[in-house]
Amino acid sequence: MSDTTAYGAIIGLRCLICGAEYAPDAVRYVCPHHGTEGILDVVYDYAAIAARTDRDTLAASQWRTMWRYLPLLPVAEPRFIPPLDVSWTPLYHARRLGDALGLPHLWVKDDGRNPTASFKDRASALAVVKAQEVGARTITTASSGNAAAALAGMAASIGLESVIFVPASAPQAKIAQLLIYGATVVLVEGTYDQAFDLCIEAADRQGWYCRNTAYNPYMTEGKKTAAYEIAEQLGWEAPDRVFVAVGDGCIIGGLHKGFADLLALGWIERMPRLMGVQAEGSAVLYEAWQRGTTEIRPIVPHTIADSISVGVPRDRLKALRAVRETDGAFVAVSDQDILAAMRDLARLTGVFAEPAAATALAGLRRALADGMVQHDERVVIVVTGNGLKDIPAAMRAVEDERQAVRLQPTTDALDTWLRAQNHLA
């Protein structure tokens, strides 16, 4: 493993509210002038990165993980990288789905292929690296499910203790993942937002390293690697648009950061338009974007897409910046739209997505119907989690159709059924 790192290429950490900058080791999480609202952005010396690596060097890399981009990541100690292979997930040319939508240049990025079956492995892999760099023995996070499972899995792979705060309403499959990885699981009888606040309080009291989205500035840096992969897998030609589901806002903020890095390095020629998709029952950022403000109106969210069920989006500044600076848009879709997208994504691409992940396709459909997307555009849908994480939702997606057939194990029963289906001459 190379000992080349990007730590020396970090200029500092910049507050998104007041613009104050800090040395990387001066603050751990947020700007001290704004408390938990003081979200920080990692600032790089792109000239130093360009002197260290280029696209040809990447092409020669034997790593087929996020660590192929190590010179662009804030890692001081590569020896702390966890052993699980995270990222370099497939980018499929979705021809059948594209034909159905009239989009011949449609691609699906399947991040359900990560070790714990979600996009959140990218941030959690970086989180356990940073936790070890500061000597932490316990790491914690609040999550509606996927980030928790990702952190529990990454922590288990290196023997780091994990404590997870998760809403008690989270799908059982996701809670099962936490328990099987050996995490200490705290089921909060409340919302994700309440679990988030409890997690920060516990981390502060106990000295645990906190992975929370929009609190730990390095989570964006893990998530930005998806943008690197999309660009590289498309031959370093940025797509016209990228559709992704949005809850807290960290994923779309990460995609924006990744593409902006590549543009600053001259590795792509333009930014794609970033399209954030929210469930109607959790459309806080959509509503703020429509009003042209960064101020949000907190709600009690209600949606089948638990991974994006957020009433107070913590990474709202990065999410809104991502959409506005790329001339993108936010789109809101119904739960029924999401269930239909789950079914059609599976049947037309073979990619099984959980509700939040399928929300991206539902948003693309809405954008097409509203005339926001041209049919000759190159479009990427980011699928952020595997459908096995929420089987009840998958069953709801097909509940209005014919159910599974039950047969007695006899030839007569088989013949009777086949004749009824016109399958037997």
Foldseek 3Di string as FASTA:
>chain_A
DDQDAQQVFWPFKAFPPPGDTDHPPPDFWADPVPPLLRFIATHGNLVVLLVVDDPVQLVPDPQLALCSVRNLANFNGPVQQFPFGHDNADKAQQCLVLVVLLANQEIEGQRLPGPLRFLLLLLLRVLSRVCVVVPAQEEEEQAQFDNLLSNLQRCLRVVRAYEYEHALPRFPLRVVSNVVSPHHYHHDPDASVVSHVVGVVVCVVPVHHYSYPSGGNRSLRSLLSVLVSVCVVVVNEEFQEEFAEAALQSNLLSVLVNQVSCVVNVSYVAHHAYEYEYEPQRCFLQVCVVVVHLDTDFDQGDEQQSRRRHRHRSNSSSRSCSNVVNVHHYYYDYNLLLLLLQVCCCVSPVAHAASNQSRRVSRVSVCVVVVNDDSHTNYYRYRGGGNVSHVVSNCVSCVVDDDDDDFDPDPVRVVVVCVVVVNDD
